[in-house]
Protein backbone atom coordinates (compact mmCIF):
# COMPACT_ATOMS: atom_id res chain seq x y z
CA MET A 1 -40.84 -82.10 -10.21
CA LYS A 2 -39.45 -79.32 -8.05
CA ASP A 3 -42.28 -77.33 -8.26
CA LEU A 4 -44.75 -79.90 -7.65
CA MET A 5 -43.29 -81.07 -4.65
CA THR A 6 -43.09 -77.39 -3.07
CA THR A 7 -46.86 -76.86 -3.96
CA ALA A 8 -47.66 -80.40 -2.27
CA GLN A 9 -45.44 -79.13 0.68
CA SER A 10 -47.41 -75.80 0.90
CA SER A 11 -50.76 -77.54 0.24
CA THR A 12 -50.11 -79.96 3.13
CA ALA A 13 -49.09 -77.14 5.39
CA MET A 14 -52.04 -75.17 4.74
CA ARG A 15 -54.12 -78.18 5.77
CA ARG A 16 -52.14 -78.76 8.94
CA TRP A 17 -52.66 -74.98 9.90
CA ARG A 18 -56.06 -74.47 8.89
CA PRO A 19 -58.38 -75.70 11.62
CA PRO A 20 -56.21 -73.81 14.30
CA GLY A 21 -56.26 -70.84 12.10
CA ARG A 22 -60.21 -70.88 12.22
CA VAL A 23 -60.15 -71.29 16.10
CA ALA A 24 -58.03 -68.33 16.46
CA LEU A 25 -60.54 -66.13 14.30
CA ALA A 26 -63.57 -67.60 16.21
CA ALA A 27 -61.62 -66.89 19.63
CA VAL A 28 -60.96 -63.21 18.31
CA ALA A 29 -65.00 -62.80 17.34
CA VAL A 30 -65.84 -64.13 20.69
CA LEU A 31 -63.63 -61.77 22.39
CA THR A 32 -64.71 -58.70 20.38
CA ALA A 33 -68.25 -59.94 21.22
CA LEU A 34 -68.02 -60.01 24.89
CA THR A 35 -65.81 -56.68 24.86
CA ALA A 36 -68.35 -55.00 23.15
CA SER A 37 -71.19 -56.72 25.17
CA ALA A 38 -69.17 -55.40 28.45
CA GLU A 39 -68.71 -51.88 27.13
CA ALA A 40 -72.55 -52.06 26.59
CA ALA A 41 -73.46 -53.07 29.98
CA LYS A 42 -71.05 -50.73 31.16
CA GLN A 43 -72.52 -48.01 29.27
CA ALA A 44 -75.94 -49.33 30.52
CA ARG A 45 -74.92 -49.32 34.07
CA GLN A 46 -73.93 -45.53 34.03
CA PRO A 47 -75.86 -43.46 36.00
CA ALA A 48 -78.32 -40.99 34.47
CA GLU A 49 -79.48 -37.71 35.55
CA ALA A 50 -82.55 -37.22 37.54
CA VAL A 51 -84.71 -34.82 39.34
CA ALA A 52 -87.42 -35.81 42.05
CA GLN A 53 -90.74 -35.28 40.72
CA ARG A 54 -91.73 -33.38 43.78
CA GLN A 55 -91.08 -29.65 45.16
CA ALA A 56 -87.70 -29.68 46.26
CA GLY A 57 -86.53 -28.12 49.23
CA GLU A 58 -83.09 -26.56 50.62
CA PRO A 59 -80.26 -29.16 49.97
CA ILE A 60 -78.83 -30.44 53.15
CA MET A 61 -76.22 -32.99 51.83
CA ALA A 62 -74.74 -34.30 48.70
CA ILE A 63 -73.24 -37.88 48.59
CA VAL A 64 -71.00 -38.92 45.76
CA SER A 65 -70.74 -42.64 45.34
CA ILE A 66 -67.16 -43.66 44.25
CA LYS A 67 -68.46 -47.12 43.21
CA SER A 68 -71.28 -46.08 41.09
CA GLN A 69 -69.98 -42.65 39.91
CA GLN A 70 -72.95 -40.79 40.83
CA VAL A 71 -73.88 -37.90 42.94
CA THR A 72 -77.00 -37.46 44.76
CA PHE A 73 -78.24 -34.43 46.76
CA TYR A 74 -80.59 -34.87 49.47
CA ASP A 75 -82.99 -32.21 51.02
CA ALA A 76 -85.09 -32.94 54.18
CA ASP A 77 -87.50 -35.25 52.64
CA GLY A 78 -85.26 -37.50 50.35
CA TRP A 79 -83.28 -37.18 47.05
CA ILE A 80 -83.87 -34.25 44.92
CA LEU A 81 -81.01 -34.17 42.12
CA ARG A 82 -78.93 -37.10 40.84
CA ALA A 83 -76.38 -37.35 38.26
CA PRO A 84 -73.18 -39.26 36.90
CA VAL A 85 -69.76 -38.15 37.80
CA SER A 86 -66.20 -38.69 37.17
CA THR A 87 -64.00 -39.17 40.19
CA GLY A 88 -60.33 -39.27 40.29
CA THR A 89 -58.41 -41.87 38.11
CA THR A 90 -55.92 -44.77 39.58
CA GLY A 91 -53.01 -42.94 41.49
CA ARG A 92 -55.28 -39.65 41.69
CA GLU A 93 -58.13 -40.96 43.29
CA THR A 94 -60.82 -38.75 44.89
CA PRO A 95 -60.28 -39.14 48.82
CA ALA A 96 -63.29 -40.46 50.47
CA GLY A 97 -64.53 -39.18 53.70
CA VAL A 98 -66.45 -36.12 55.22
CA PHE A 99 -66.36 -32.58 53.77
CA ALA A 100 -68.29 -29.45 53.09
CA ILE A 101 -68.22 -26.63 50.50
CA VAL A 102 -65.65 -24.10 51.37
CA GLU A 103 -65.93 -21.98 48.65
CA LYS A 104 -67.68 -21.23 45.09
CA ASP A 105 -66.87 -20.01 41.81
CA LYS A 106 -68.97 -19.84 38.73
CA ASP A 107 -66.04 -19.62 36.23
CA HIS A 108 -63.01 -20.91 37.85
CA ARG A 109 -59.67 -21.48 36.02
CA SER A 110 -57.17 -24.00 37.68
CA THR A 111 -54.01 -22.73 38.84
CA MET A 112 -52.56 -26.29 38.78
CA TYR A 113 -53.41 -27.65 35.11
CA ASP A 114 -52.50 -24.93 32.85
CA ASP A 115 -55.46 -22.94 33.33
CA ALA A 116 -58.01 -25.48 32.52
CA TRP A 117 -61.58 -24.31 32.67
CA MET A 118 -63.62 -25.60 35.69
CA PRO A 119 -66.95 -24.00 35.46
CA ASN A 120 -69.24 -23.79 38.49
CA MET A 121 -66.71 -25.13 40.72
CA GLN A 122 -67.71 -25.76 44.34
CA ARG A 123 -64.21 -26.39 46.32
CA ILE A 124 -64.72 -28.95 49.30
CA THR A 125 -60.97 -28.76 50.37
CA TRP A 126 -58.32 -26.07 50.27
CA ASN A 127 -55.85 -28.40 48.94
CA GLY A 128 -57.63 -28.81 45.52
CA ILE A 129 -60.55 -31.07 45.37
CA ALA A 130 -63.85 -29.83 44.16
CA LEU A 131 -67.11 -30.67 42.44
CA HIS A 132 -67.23 -28.68 38.90
CA GLY A 133 -68.53 -29.39 35.50
CA GLY A 134 -66.30 -31.37 33.17
CA PRO A 135 -66.39 -34.00 30.48
CA LEU A 136 -67.92 -37.68 31.71
CA PRO A 137 -66.48 -40.57 29.87
CA GLY A 138 -68.36 -43.09 31.86
CA TYR A 139 -65.84 -43.84 34.61
CA ALA A 140 -63.53 -42.38 37.05
CA ALA A 141 -60.97 -40.03 34.77
CA SER A 142 -60.41 -36.90 36.69
CA HIS A 143 -57.17 -35.97 38.46
CA GLY A 144 -59.33 -35.89 42.13
CA CYS A 145 -62.09 -33.41 41.70
CA VAL A 146 -65.65 -34.93 40.96
CA ARG A 147 -66.64 -33.93 37.59
CA MET A 148 -70.22 -33.30 36.94
CA PRO A 149 -72.39 -32.89 33.86
CA PHE A 150 -72.06 -29.32 32.57
CA GLY A 151 -75.86 -28.45 32.57
CA PHE A 152 -76.33 -29.89 35.82
CA ALA A 153 -73.24 -28.21 37.80
CA GLU A 154 -74.58 -24.87 36.34
CA GLY A 155 -78.28 -25.59 37.55
CA LEU A 156 -77.04 -26.83 40.92
CA PHE A 157 -74.59 -23.84 41.26
CA ASP A 158 -76.93 -21.45 42.99
CA LYS A 159 -78.82 -23.99 44.88
CA THR A 160 -76.04 -25.00 47.25
CA TYR A 161 -73.97 -22.74 50.08
CA ILE A 162 -70.97 -22.56 52.02
CA GLY A 163 -70.77 -25.24 54.76
CA MET A 164 -73.08 -27.50 52.90
CA ARG A 165 -72.19 -31.22 53.63
CA VAL A 166 -70.30 -33.18 50.97
CA ILE A 167 -69.82 -36.96 51.79
CA ILE A 168 -67.85 -38.91 49.58
CA SER A 169 -68.43 -42.75 50.03
CA PRO A 170 -66.28 -45.46 48.54
CA HIS A 171 -69.54 -47.42 48.15
CA ASP A 172 -73.09 -46.89 47.78
CA SER A 173 -74.37 -44.58 50.92
CA VAL A 174 -77.80 -43.27 51.64
CA PRO A 175 -79.10 -41.48 54.33
CA THR A 176 -81.47 -43.43 56.71
CA GLU A 177 -84.03 -42.27 59.46
CA PHE A 178 -82.46 -42.79 62.77
CA SER A 179 -83.31 -41.95 66.60
CA HIS A 180 -81.47 -42.37 69.56
CA PRO A 181 -81.42 -40.72 73.09
CA SER A 182 -78.03 -39.19 72.57
CA LEU A 183 -79.13 -36.95 69.43
CA PHE A 184 -79.94 -33.44 70.29
CA VAL A 185 -83.46 -32.77 71.69
CA PRO A 186 -84.09 -28.88 71.21
CA LYS A 187 -86.20 -26.95 73.61
CA PRO A 188 -88.96 -24.67 72.19
CA GLU A 189 -88.61 -22.18 74.76
CA ALA A 190 -84.82 -22.30 74.33
CA ILE A 191 -85.32 -21.47 70.70
CA ALA A 192 -87.83 -18.83 71.21
CA ALA A 193 -85.51 -16.88 73.64
CA ALA A 194 -82.19 -16.82 71.80
CA PRO A 195 -83.10 -13.84 69.58
CA GLY A 196 -83.73 -11.83 72.53
CA ARG A 197 -80.96 -13.21 74.53
CA ALA A 198 -78.31 -12.59 71.41
CA ASP A 199 -79.82 -9.00 71.29
CA LYS A 200 -79.07 -8.41 74.87
CA LEU A 201 -75.34 -9.86 75.05
CA SER A 202 -74.58 -7.89 71.97
CA ALA A 203 -75.68 -4.73 73.56
CA GLU A 204 -73.44 -5.75 76.57
CA ALA A 205 -70.64 -6.67 74.36
CA GLU A 206 -70.94 -3.05 72.72
CA GLN A 207 -70.67 -1.47 76.15
CA ALA A 208 -67.70 -3.55 77.24
CA THR A 209 -65.83 -2.80 73.74
CA GLN A 210 -66.56 0.93 74.43
CA ALA A 211 -65.45 0.81 78.06
CA ALA A 212 -62.54 -1.04 77.15
CA ALA A 213 -61.58 1.15 74.36
CA GLU A 214 -62.03 4.23 77.01
CA ALA A 215 -60.18 2.38 79.77
CA LYS A 216 -57.12 1.76 77.28
CA LYS A 217 -57.36 5.48 76.23
CA ALA A 218 -56.96 6.59 79.54
CA ALA A 219 -54.24 4.02 80.42
CA ALA A 220 -52.02 5.33 77.46
CA ALA A 221 -52.84 9.22 78.61
CA ALA A 222 -51.68 8.37 82.18
CA ALA A 223 -48.54 6.72 80.76
CA LYS A 224 -47.97 9.65 78.48
CA GLU A 225 -47.97 11.79 81.23
CA ALA A 226 -45.74 9.99 83.30
CA ALA A 227 -43.14 9.03 80.71
CA SER A 228 -41.38 12.62 81.24
CA LEU A 229 -41.01 11.62 85.10
CA PRO A 230 -37.57 9.61 84.94
CA ALA A 231 -35.97 12.03 83.01
CA SER A 232 -37.17 14.89 85.45
CA LEU A 233 -35.93 13.07 88.40
CA ARG A 234 -32.56 12.08 86.84
CA LYS A 235 -31.97 16.07 86.51
CA LEU A 236 -32.82 16.70 89.98
CA GLU A 237 -30.89 13.84 91.22
CA GLN A 238 -27.78 15.30 89.34
CA GLN A 239 -28.44 18.60 90.55
CA LYS A 240 -28.37 17.50 94.11
CA ALA A 241 -25.60 15.22 93.36
CA ARG A 242 -23.35 18.30 92.59
CA ALA A 243 -24.63 20.07 95.12
CA ASP A 244 -23.46 17.74 97.69
CA ALA A 245 -20.38 17.55 95.89
CA GLU A 246 -19.52 21.18 95.99
CA LEU A 247 -20.67 21.16 100.04
CA ALA A 248 -17.92 18.60 100.72
CA PHE A 249 -15.54 20.39 98.77
CA THR A 250 -16.25 23.43 101.09
CA ASP A 251 -15.55 21.45 103.95
CA LYS A 252 -12.21 20.39 102.61
CA LYS A 253 -11.47 24.08 101.81
CA ILE A 254 -12.08 25.22 105.39
CA ALA A 255 -9.85 22.45 106.88
CA ALA A 256 -7.10 23.41 104.59
CA ALA A 257 -7.23 27.11 105.43
CA LYS A 258 -4.11 28.55 106.28
CA SER A 259 -5.60 31.82 107.80
CA ASP A 260 -8.46 33.28 109.47
CA GLN A 261 -9.48 35.31 106.44
CA ALA A 262 -9.07 32.03 104.21
CA ARG A 263 -11.24 30.30 106.74
CA ALA A 264 -13.87 32.88 106.53
CA GLN A 265 -14.17 32.92 103.13
CA ALA A 266 -14.55 29.16 103.03
CA GLU A 267 -17.18 29.25 105.78
CA GLU A 268 -19.14 31.88 103.72
CA LEU A 269 -18.82 29.73 100.70
CA LYS A 270 -19.77 26.88 102.56
CA LEU A 271 -23.09 28.54 103.66
CA LYS A 272 -24.14 29.66 99.89
CA VAL A 273 -23.45 25.82 98.78
CA ALA A 274 -25.26 24.21 101.59
CA ALA A 275 -28.47 26.36 100.60
CA LYS A 276 -27.93 25.33 97.41
CA ALA A 277 -27.80 21.75 98.13
CA ALA A 278 -31.13 22.03 100.66
CA ASP A 279 -32.83 23.52 97.45
CA ALA A 280 -31.75 20.52 95.32
CA ALA A 281 -33.03 18.06 98.24
CA SER A 282 -36.08 19.84 98.46
CA ALA A 283 -37.02 20.22 94.72
CA LEU A 284 -36.07 16.36 94.43
CA ASP A 285 -38.12 15.21 97.15
CA ALA A 286 -40.99 17.31 96.00
CA ALA A 287 -40.81 16.11 92.62
CA LYS A 288 -40.81 12.35 93.87
CA ALA A 289 -43.99 13.06 95.98
CA ALA A 290 -45.68 14.70 92.79
CA ALA A 291 -44.56 11.52 90.71
CA GLN A 292 -46.01 8.67 93.23
CA PRO A 293 -49.60 9.72 92.29
CA LYS A 294 -48.99 9.68 88.73
CA ARG A 295 -46.93 6.06 88.95
CA ASP A 296 -50.05 4.97 90.72
CA ALA A 297 -52.32 6.47 88.02
CA VAL A 298 -50.16 4.40 85.31
CA ALA A 299 -50.44 1.15 87.48
CA ALA A 300 -54.33 1.67 88.20
CA THR A 301 -55.22 2.52 84.53
CA LYS A 302 -53.19 -0.48 83.19
CA ASP A 303 -54.91 -2.83 85.82
CA ALA A 304 -58.36 -1.34 84.70
CA ALA A 305 -57.61 -1.50 80.91
CA LYS A 306 -56.61 -5.14 81.47
CA ALA A 307 -59.86 -5.84 83.45
CA ALA A 308 -62.16 -4.00 80.53
CA ALA A 309 -60.30 -5.91 77.86
CA THR A 310 -61.47 -9.15 79.97
CA ARG A 311 -64.65 -8.26 80.43
CA LYS A 312 -64.88 -7.27 76.69
CA ALA A 313 -63.52 -10.48 75.75
CA GLU A 314 -66.02 -12.45 77.97
CA ALA A 315 -69.25 -10.25 76.62
CA VAL A 316 -68.15 -10.80 72.83
CA LYS A 317 -67.53 -14.58 73.42
CA ALA A 318 -70.95 -14.72 75.18
CA ALA A 319 -72.45 -12.35 72.48
CA THR A 320 -71.19 -14.73 69.69
CA ASP A 321 -72.22 -17.91 71.46
CA ALA A 322 -75.75 -16.54 71.81
CA LYS A 323 -75.64 -15.60 67.81
CA LEU A 324 -74.41 -18.92 66.60
CA ALA A 325 -77.00 -20.45 68.85
CA GLY A 326 -79.33 -19.62 65.95
CA GLU A 327 -77.04 -21.35 63.63
CA PRO A 328 -76.78 -25.26 62.99
CA VAL A 329 -74.29 -26.69 65.12
CA SER A 330 -71.80 -29.54 64.03
CA VAL A 331 -70.04 -32.00 66.42
CA TYR A 332 -67.22 -34.41 65.44
CA ILE A 333 -66.22 -37.12 67.66
CA SER A 334 -62.59 -38.87 67.19
CA ARG A 335 -61.65 -42.23 68.43
CA SER A 336 -58.11 -41.34 67.26
CA THR A 337 -57.98 -38.25 69.55
CA GLN A 338 -60.53 -39.15 72.08
CA LYS A 339 -61.84 -35.77 71.90
CA LEU A 340 -65.36 -34.03 70.58
CA TYR A 341 -65.27 -30.85 68.51
CA VAL A 342 -67.84 -28.26 68.10
CA ARG A 343 -68.08 -25.61 65.54
CA ARG A 344 -70.65 -23.51 63.62
CA ASN A 345 -70.52 -21.12 60.38
CA THR A 346 -70.14 -17.53 61.50
CA HIS A 347 -71.07 -16.31 58.05
CA LYS A 348 -68.42 -13.77 58.25
CA PRO A 349 -66.11 -13.46 55.35
CA ALA A 350 -62.55 -14.79 56.21
CA PRO A 351 -59.85 -12.11 56.71
CA ASP A 352 -57.69 -13.41 53.57
CA GLY A 353 -60.77 -13.52 51.23
CA GLY A 354 -61.01 -17.36 50.99
CA GLY A 355 -64.72 -18.51 52.18
CA GLU A 356 -66.07 -18.01 55.57
CA VAL A 357 -64.87 -17.99 59.00
CA PHE A 358 -66.06 -21.13 61.32
CA ASP A 359 -66.17 -20.68 64.98
CA THR A 360 -64.31 -23.34 66.63
CA SER A 361 -65.30 -22.77 70.28
CA ILE A 362 -65.23 -26.19 72.08
CA GLU A 363 -62.69 -28.98 72.35
CA VAL A 364 -63.37 -31.59 75.34
CA PRO A 365 -62.23 -34.97 76.08
CA VAL A 366 -64.90 -38.11 75.69
CA THR A 367 -64.82 -41.50 76.88
CA ILE A 368 -65.21 -44.20 74.31
CA ARG A 369 -65.84 -47.79 75.64
CA ASN A 370 -63.48 -50.55 74.05
CA PRO A 371 -61.30 -47.64 72.36
CA GLU A 372 -59.34 -50.36 70.76
CA GLN A 373 -62.25 -51.57 68.50
CA PRO A 374 -63.60 -49.35 65.61
CA LEU A 375 -66.17 -47.15 65.67
CA GLY A 376 -66.75 -46.54 61.68
CA THR A 377 -67.53 -43.36 60.14
CA HIS A 378 -71.28 -42.34 60.64
CA ILE A 379 -72.89 -39.07 59.85
CA PHE A 380 -76.08 -38.07 61.83
CA THR A 381 -77.73 -35.26 60.48
CA ALA A 382 -80.78 -33.22 61.75
CA MET A 383 -82.95 -33.24 58.36
CA ALA A 384 -86.11 -31.22 59.84
CA LYS A 385 -88.11 -30.43 62.93
CA SER A 386 -90.55 -33.04 64.26
CA ASP A 387 -93.36 -33.28 66.77
CA THR A 388 -90.74 -34.42 69.09
CA GLY A 389 -87.82 -32.26 68.36
CA LEU A 390 -85.73 -33.30 65.33
CA ARG A 391 -86.00 -35.80 62.67
CA TRP A 392 -82.40 -37.55 62.09
CA SER A 393 -80.83 -39.44 59.67
CA VAL A 394 -77.72 -41.29 59.33
CA VAL A 395 -74.92 -42.12 56.73
CA THR A 396 -72.29 -44.57 57.08
CA ILE A 397 -69.38 -44.72 54.87
CA GLU A 398 -66.83 -46.32 56.87
CA ASN A 399 -67.72 -50.08 58.22
CA GLY A 400 -66.81 -50.40 62.21
CA ASP A 401 -69.51 -50.78 64.82
CA GLU A 402 -73.21 -50.39 63.58
CA ALA A 403 -74.07 -46.41 64.09
CA ARG A 404 -76.33 -47.28 67.01
CA ASN A 405 -73.94 -49.47 68.90
CA ALA A 406 -71.12 -46.40 68.24
CA LEU A 407 -73.33 -43.67 69.74
CA ASP A 408 -73.90 -46.34 72.81
CA ARG A 409 -70.23 -46.41 73.33
CA ILE A 410 -69.55 -42.64 73.88
CA THR A 411 -70.06 -40.90 76.97
CA ILE A 412 -70.47 -37.33 76.02
CA PRO A 413 -69.81 -34.49 78.86
CA GLN A 414 -73.36 -33.29 79.99
CA ASP A 415 -72.26 -29.68 80.04
CA VAL A 416 -71.56 -29.92 76.44
CA TRP A 417 -74.88 -31.03 75.70
CA ASP A 418 -76.75 -28.67 77.67
CA ARG A 419 -74.73 -25.57 76.08
CA ILE A 420 -75.79 -26.83 72.28
CA GLY A 421 -78.67 -29.26 72.59
CA PRO A 422 -81.53 -27.10 73.50
CA THR A 423 -81.20 -24.62 70.58
CA ALA A 424 -80.15 -27.37 67.76
CA LEU A 425 -81.51 -26.73 64.46
CA PRO A 426 -82.21 -28.66 61.24
CA ARG A 427 -78.97 -29.22 59.46
CA SER A 428 -77.31 -29.56 62.72
CA SER A 429 -75.05 -33.00 62.71
CA ILE A 430 -72.92 -35.29 64.65
CA ILE A 431 -70.14 -37.16 63.14
CA ILE A 432 -68.29 -40.27 64.79
CA SER A 433 -65.26 -41.41 63.28
CA ASP A 434 -62.33 -43.45 63.97
CA GLU A 435 -60.27 -40.93 61.92
CA PRO A 436 -58.66 -37.54 63.37
CA LEU A 437 -59.68 -34.53 61.72
CA SER A 438 -57.75 -33.89 58.63
CA ALA A 439 -55.07 -31.16 58.58
CA GLU A 440 -57.49 -29.44 55.96
CA THR A 441 -59.65 -28.56 59.05
CA ASN A 442 -59.25 -25.13 59.69
CA TYR A 443 -60.88 -21.74 60.51
CA ARG A 444 -62.42 -21.82 56.95
CA THR A 445 -63.81 -25.03 56.86
CA GLU A 446 -66.60 -27.22 58.49
CA PHE A 447 -64.94 -30.46 59.75
CA VAL A 448 -62.96 -32.55 57.19
CA ALA A 449 -62.02 -36.28 57.85
CA VAL A 450 -60.56 -38.33 55.27
CA LEU A 451 -60.69 -42.28 55.28
CA SER A 452 -57.01 -43.33 55.89
CA ASP A 453 -57.53 -46.75 54.30
CA GLN A 454 -58.84 -45.42 51.23
CA PRO A 455 -56.60 -44.29 48.21
CA GLN A 456 -56.01 -40.61 48.36
CA GLY A 457 -53.93 -40.19 45.15
CA GLY A 458 -56.00 -37.08 44.39
CA PHE A 459 -55.26 -35.48 47.80
CA ILE A 460 -51.52 -36.38 48.15
CA THR A 461 -50.38 -35.34 44.74
CA ARG A 462 -51.35 -31.60 45.53
CA LYS A 463 -49.28 -29.02 47.25
CA PRO A 464 -51.79 -27.99 50.30
CA THR A 465 -52.47 -24.44 51.27
CA ALA A 466 -50.94 -23.87 54.70
CA PRO A 467 -53.75 -22.38 57.09
CA ALA A 468 -53.30 -18.67 57.40
CA MET A 469 -53.34 -16.88 60.84
CA ILE A 470 -55.88 -14.77 61.93
CA ALA A 471 -55.24 -11.33 63.24
CA SER A 472 -55.92 -11.22 66.94
CA ASP A 473 -57.46 -7.86 66.79
CA ASP A 474 -59.85 -9.13 64.35
CA GLY A 475 -61.70 -11.29 66.71
CA TRP A 476 -61.28 -14.31 65.16
CA ASP A 477 -57.90 -15.76 66.53
CA ASN A 478 -57.84 -18.98 68.42
CA GLY A 479 -58.14 -17.26 71.74
CA GLY A 480 -57.66 -20.08 73.86
CA ASN A 481 -61.00 -21.51 72.64
CA GLY A 482 -59.56 -24.82 71.55
CA PHE A 483 -58.35 -26.22 68.00
CA GLY A 484 -54.89 -24.80 68.43
CA PHE A 485 -53.48 -27.66 66.89
CA PHE A 486 -55.04 -26.29 63.58
CA TYR A 487 -52.29 -23.58 63.71
CA GLN A 488 -49.55 -25.66 65.09
CA ARG A 489 -49.55 -28.98 63.42
CA ASP A 490 -47.83 -29.66 59.95
CA PRO A 491 -50.43 -28.77 57.28
CA TYR A 492 -48.31 -30.92 54.85
CA VAL A 493 -49.12 -34.14 56.30
CA GLN A 494 -52.14 -36.08 56.62
CA GLN A 495 -52.44 -37.31 60.03
CA ALA A 496 -52.70 -41.01 60.46
CA ASN A 497 -55.18 -43.24 62.51
CA PRO A 498 -53.29 -45.03 65.21
CA ARG A 499 -55.38 -48.04 64.11
CA ARG A 500 -53.97 -48.08 60.49
CA GLN A 501 -51.00 -50.33 59.75
CA ARG A 502 -50.45 -48.53 56.53
CA GLY A 503 -47.71 -45.46 56.96
CA GLN A 504 -48.75 -41.73 56.72
CA TYR A 505 -49.33 -40.23 53.48
CA GLN A 506 -47.12 -37.50 52.73
CA TYR A 507 -47.95 -34.56 50.41
CA TYR A 508 -45.54 -34.11 47.49
CA GLN A 509 -45.64 -32.14 44.60
CA SER A 510 -44.94 -34.20 41.45
CA THR A 511 -42.36 -33.71 39.32
CA GLN A 512 -43.38 -34.82 36.27
CA PRO A 513 -45.29 -32.30 33.93
CA MET A 514 -49.02 -32.34 34.05
CA GLN A 515 -50.99 -32.95 30.76
CA ARG A 516 -53.53 -30.45 30.14
CA SER A 517 -56.62 -31.98 31.53
CA TRP A 518 -59.67 -31.47 34.07
CA TRP A 519 -59.48 -32.50 37.66
């Protein structure tokens, strides 16, 4: 009886729980199906590698879409290469902003992640963000870098160049054709005259450099010749002082003489000492007279050397400006600092071996109408020559004002435009942003701007490379040409935009051990 009751109770319990159990199993099945469907949809949406079906030109820019996990390279006529990527994962996000290639390494090994292999690395910041080949799981998974397919990265490596623009956008951004009166309008006659002017000024700079070297040598010789004057004069002054002292002693001896014979002897001694004192005085006067021309020569040659050095600096700068007129020009306008900056790639290797040197010759205030209102971040690029001058495009990566309105609100000094506009070439650019220049911007980079309202985990977990000073005799020092803050401000802090309410991002070195992984 007991067993029957137990069996009956168990059967009743099973009947009681059977319907919910079926519901649970059905729910699991539905959830599994939905997950599989979502994963399939995710895989279906993943971008694929693509190559434009036309003859590709030299790439002008790359745009990385964090939203779509895709990179697209553009030449003057549109996109040429496209591939899926894997950007930084949560907490190590790839920073959105405006960058450029600063270094290339075919077979790079990480110094941060256990010697991890990062083939065909193209660095875009000195703080550890780069494009390189790596595994692509189909979603953001790196430590801040932009991973590309291995074969794609290898084929791309020889097509890019130092200084090529890399734009990292939080969303899908594409270049759109654009025209505006404020954009550069080159003058054919100025471009044609530029090489001859550069050669002429280079010759003048060479002559000024030689003259400065000769003036410096003459000043050194005059200083060397005059170097012994103080010691010689001091010796003669001491001899005269001793002779004068002896003469005074003979006067005392005459006064103290007690006999005619003693007085006669003292007077005779005085005659000899007086002659000696006169000779010492004459020698001192003659030495002083002879020293004065030498002193004058030292002062004159020193002044001449300074003047020659000034002429050399001016001639070298003029020659450099004339030579750089044959290079694309980059302009950065910041609402945060209310300034305009200009630079060009000199194609000269950096003294410390990292990348190339970028000229930083202009930094001037600009007037922005309604400066309290955001401008957004817009990158205007001269894609190619046109019948009227240059054909421009614009890429917007941060919403603010519309690109045309943003340009309309900025008043640029006409003399700046007159200096750089007439010789502007394709690949020249104008960047307008609410952001200040990032601390990553230094003499080895194009302009770097980071969107401060976007995650920057991949940026702030790295220990940045402090900008190195450049030797002044190398000709690449700051030289009073602006951008002095690149060398003075704290390189370990990403400058905050005054319009942002979030605090400054502080760089720090993680105390947690890093897993062996890819950036």
